């Protein structure tokens, strides 16, 4: 991860046009994909995503805005986001349950 990367709180996984899935963990990865690996068709949302990702890397735009713009550009290009199931945090054991388990 580059030093100037801005990580997202939740990664974005998209389904590429070839059917494979790819996960992006921050703004730098998304911008690199937008600028170097994007399919031929560049739409309005692609241009907006490039601008917002650059702004996020420069500290002008919040990372969540860049994330949403990236997801919108992917959808516009026919690469939808893959929704991962939400993982609930494990419940801590109570002292009583810990004692019962040790008996």
C-alpha atoms as a PDB file:
ATOM      1  CA  UNK A   1       0.000   0.000   0.000  1.00  0.00           C
ATOM      2  CA  UNK A   2       1.479   3.374  -0.980  1.00  0.00           C
ATOM      3  CA  UNK A   3       2.210   5.887   1.739  1.00  0.00           C
ATOM      4  CA  UNK A   4      -0.335   8.385   0.446  1.00  0.00           C
ATOM      5  CA  UNK A   5      -3.200   5.878   0.234  1.00  0.00           C
ATOM      6  CA  UNK A   6      -6.500   6.604   1.929  1.00  0.00           C
ATOM      7  CA  UNK A   7      -8.045   3.315   3.094  1.00  0.00           C
ATOM      8  CA  UNK A   8     -11.782   2.705   3.073  1.00  0.00           C
ATOM      9  CA  UNK A   9     -13.569   1.468   6.167  1.00  0.00           C
ATOM     10  CA  UNK A  10     -15.181  -1.285   4.065  1.00  0.00           C
ATOM     11  CA  UNK A  11     -13.487  -2.703   0.958  1.00  0.00           C
ATOM     12  CA  UNK A  12     -15.295  -2.673  -2.397  1.00  0.00           C
ATOM     13  CA  UNK A  13     -15.498  -5.905  -4.390  1.00  0.00           C
ATOM     14  CA  UNK A  14     -16.607  -5.619  -8.006  1.00  0.00           C
ATOM     15  CA  UNK A  15     -17.365  -8.207 -10.635  1.00  0.00           C
ATOM     16  CA  UNK A  16     -15.223  -7.490 -13.676  1.00  0.00           C
ATOM     17  CA  UNK A  17     -16.607  -7.874 -17.190  1.00  0.00           C
ATOM     18  CA  UNK A  18     -14.760 -11.185 -17.554  1.00  0.00           C
ATOM     19  CA  UNK A  19     -16.629 -12.544 -14.514  1.00  0.00           C
ATOM     20  CA  UNK A  20     -13.769 -12.422 -12.007  1.00  0.00           C
ATOM     21  CA  UNK A  21     -14.097 -10.488  -8.764  1.00  0.00           C
ATOM     22  CA  UNK A  22     -11.607  -7.909  -7.554  1.00  0.00           C
ATOM     23  CA  UNK A  23     -11.428  -6.177  -4.185  1.00  0.00           C
ATOM     24  CA  UNK A  24     -10.289  -2.584  -3.637  1.00  0.00           C
ATOM     25  CA  UNK A  25      -9.288  -1.529  -0.138  1.00  0.00           C
ATOM     26  CA  UNK A  26      -8.587   2.153  -0.679  1.00  0.00           C
ATOM     27  CA  UNK A  27      -8.549   5.186  -2.912  1.00  0.00           C
ATOM     28  CA  UNK A  28      -5.119   4.564  -4.454  1.00  0.00           C
ATOM     29  CA  UNK A  29      -6.088   1.082  -5.710  1.00  0.00           C
ATOM     30  CA  UNK A  30      -9.324   2.445  -7.160  1.00  0.00           C
ATOM     31  CA  UNK A  31      -7.607   5.363  -8.908  1.00  0.00           C
ATOM     32  CA  UNK A  32      -4.944   3.071 -10.355  1.00  0.00           C
ATOM     33  CA  UNK A  33      -7.691   0.823 -11.738  1.00  0.00           C
ATOM     34  CA  UNK A  34      -9.644   3.799 -13.113  1.00  0.00           C
ATOM     35  CA  UNK A  35      -6.610   5.232 -14.889  1.00  0.00           C
ATOM     36  CA  UNK A  36      -4.771   2.108 -16.064  1.00  0.00           C
ATOM     37  CA  UNK A  37      -7.123  -0.864 -16.314  1.00  0.00           C
ATOM     38  CA  UNK A  38     -10.511   0.635 -17.117  1.00  0.00           C
ATOM     39  CA  UNK A  39     -12.520  -0.772 -20.052  1.00  0.00           C
ATOM     40  CA  UNK A  40     -12.508   1.335 -23.208  1.00  0.00           C
ATOM     41  CA  UNK A  41     -15.769   3.181 -22.549  1.00  0.00           C
ATOM     42  CA  UNK A  42     -15.165   6.186 -20.279  1.00  0.00           C
ATOM     43  CA  UNK A  43     -18.407   7.727 -19.069  1.00  0.00           C
ATOM     44  CA  UNK A  44     -19.414  10.685 -16.975  1.00  0.00           C
ATOM     45  CA  UNK A  45     -19.224   8.701 -13.745  1.00  0.00           C
ATOM     46  CA  UNK A  46     -15.733   7.468 -14.627  1.00  0.00           C
ATOM     47  CA  UNK A  47     -14.488  11.041 -14.953  1.00  0.00           C
ATOM     48  CA  UNK A  48     -16.181  12.012 -11.679  1.00  0.00           C
ATOM     49  CA  UNK A  49     -14.619   9.010  -9.909  1.00  0.00           C
ATOM     50  CA  UNK A  50     -11.138   9.929 -11.150  1.00  0.00           C
ATOM     51  CA  UNK A  51     -11.572  13.504  -9.890  1.00  0.00           C
ATOM     52  CA  UNK A  52     -12.955  12.485  -6.493  1.00  0.00           C
ATOM     53  CA  UNK A  53     -10.262   9.846  -5.958  1.00  0.00           C
ATOM     54  CA  UNK A  54      -7.557  12.401  -6.732  1.00  0.00           C
ATOM     55  CA  UNK A  55      -9.254  14.813  -4.346  1.00  0.00           C
ATOM     56  CA  UNK A  56      -9.352  12.182  -1.612  1.00  0.00           C
ATOM     57  CA  UNK A  57      -5.650  11.436  -2.037  1.00  0.00           C
ATOM     58  CA  UNK A  58      -4.974  15.178  -1.708  1.00  0.00           C
ATOM     59  CA  UNK A  59      -7.101  15.406   1.448  1.00  0.00           C
ATOM     60  CA  UNK A  60      -9.804  17.579  -0.148  1.00  0.00           C
ATOM     61  CA  UNK A  61     -12.569  14.991  -0.616  1.00  0.00           C
ATOM     62  CA  UNK A  62     -13.699  12.513   2.074  1.00  0.00           C
ATOM     63  CA  UNK A  63     -12.790   8.894   1.314  1.00  0.00           C
ATOM     64  CA  UNK A  64     -16.430   7.807   1.536  1.00  0.00           C
ATOM     65  CA  UNK A  65     -17.323  10.158  -1.343  1.00  0.00           C
ATOM     66  CA  UNK A  66     -14.524   8.705  -3.473  1.00  0.00           C
ATOM     67  CA  UNK A  67     -15.727   5.193  -2.619  1.00  0.00           C
ATOM     68  CA  UNK A  68     -19.285   5.983  -3.717  1.00  0.00           C
ATOM     69  CA  UNK A  69     -18.062   7.636  -6.931  1.00  0.00           C
ATOM     70  CA  UNK A  70     -15.906   4.594  -7.705  1.00  0.00           C
ATOM     71  CA  UNK A  71     -18.837   2.240  -7.158  1.00  0.00           C
ATOM     72  CA  UNK A  72     -21.063   4.386  -9.410  1.00  0.00           C
ATOM     73  CA  UNK A  73     -18.436   4.346 -12.176  1.00  0.00           C
ATOM     74  CA  UNK A  74     -18.138   0.583 -11.930  1.00  0.00           C
ATOM     75  CA  UNK A  75     -21.894   0.196 -12.180  1.00  0.00           C
ATOM     76  CA  UNK A  76     -21.991   2.520 -15.212  1.00  0.00           C
ATOM     77  CA  UNK A  77     -19.362   0.345 -16.922  1.00  0.00           C
ATOM     78  CA  UNK A  78     -21.269  -2.883 -16.257  1.00  0.00           C
ATOM     79  CA  UNK A  79     -19.118  -3.995 -13.328  1.00  0.00           C
ATOM     80  CA  UNK A  80     -21.467  -4.161 -10.337  1.00  0.00           C
ATOM     81  CA  UNK A  81     -20.312  -4.223  -6.754  1.00  0.00           C
ATOM     82  CA  UNK A  82     -20.543  -7.603  -5.064  1.00  0.00           C
ATOM     83  CA  UNK A  83     -22.211  -7.344  -1.694  1.00  0.00           C
ATOM     84  CA  UNK A  84     -20.419  -9.307   0.996  1.00  0.00           C
ATOM     85  CA  UNK A  85     -22.471 -10.509   3.938  1.00  0.00           C
ATOM     86  CA  UNK A  86     -22.135  -8.316   6.999  1.00  0.00           C
ATOM     87  CA  UNK A  87     -20.109 -10.020   9.699  1.00  0.00           C
ATOM     88  CA  UNK A  88     -21.317  -9.264  13.190  1.00  0.00           C
ATOM     89  CA  UNK A  89     -18.677  -8.773  15.824  1.00  0.00           C
ATOM     90  CA  UNK A  90     -18.300 -11.823  18.061  1.00  0.00           C
ATOM     91  CA  UNK A  91     -20.027 -11.468  21.399  1.00  0.00           C
ATOM     92  CA  UNK A  92     -17.587 -11.418  24.304  1.00  0.00           C
ATOM     93  CA  UNK A  93     -18.049 -14.188  26.817  1.00  0.00           C
ATOM     94  CA  UNK A  94     -19.412 -13.159  30.139  1.00  0.00           C
ATOM     95  CA  UNK A  95     -17.466 -14.019  33.268  1.00  0.00           C
ATOM     96  CA  UNK A  96     -20.146 -16.526  34.271  1.00  0.00           C
ATOM     97  CA  UNK A  97     -19.957 -18.320  30.872  1.00  0.00           C
ATOM     98  CA  UNK A  98     -16.175 -18.427  31.100  1.00  0.00           C
ATOM     99  CA  UNK A  99     -16.352 -20.011  34.576  1.00  0.00           C
ATOM    100  CA  UNK A 100     -18.926 -22.556  33.418  1.00  0.00           C
ATOM    101  CA  UNK A 101     -16.746 -23.518  30.485  1.00  0.00           C
ATOM    102  CA  UNK A 102     -13.760 -24.077  32.751  1.00  0.00           C
ATOM    103  CA  UNK A 103     -15.622 -26.482  35.042  1.00  0.00           C
END
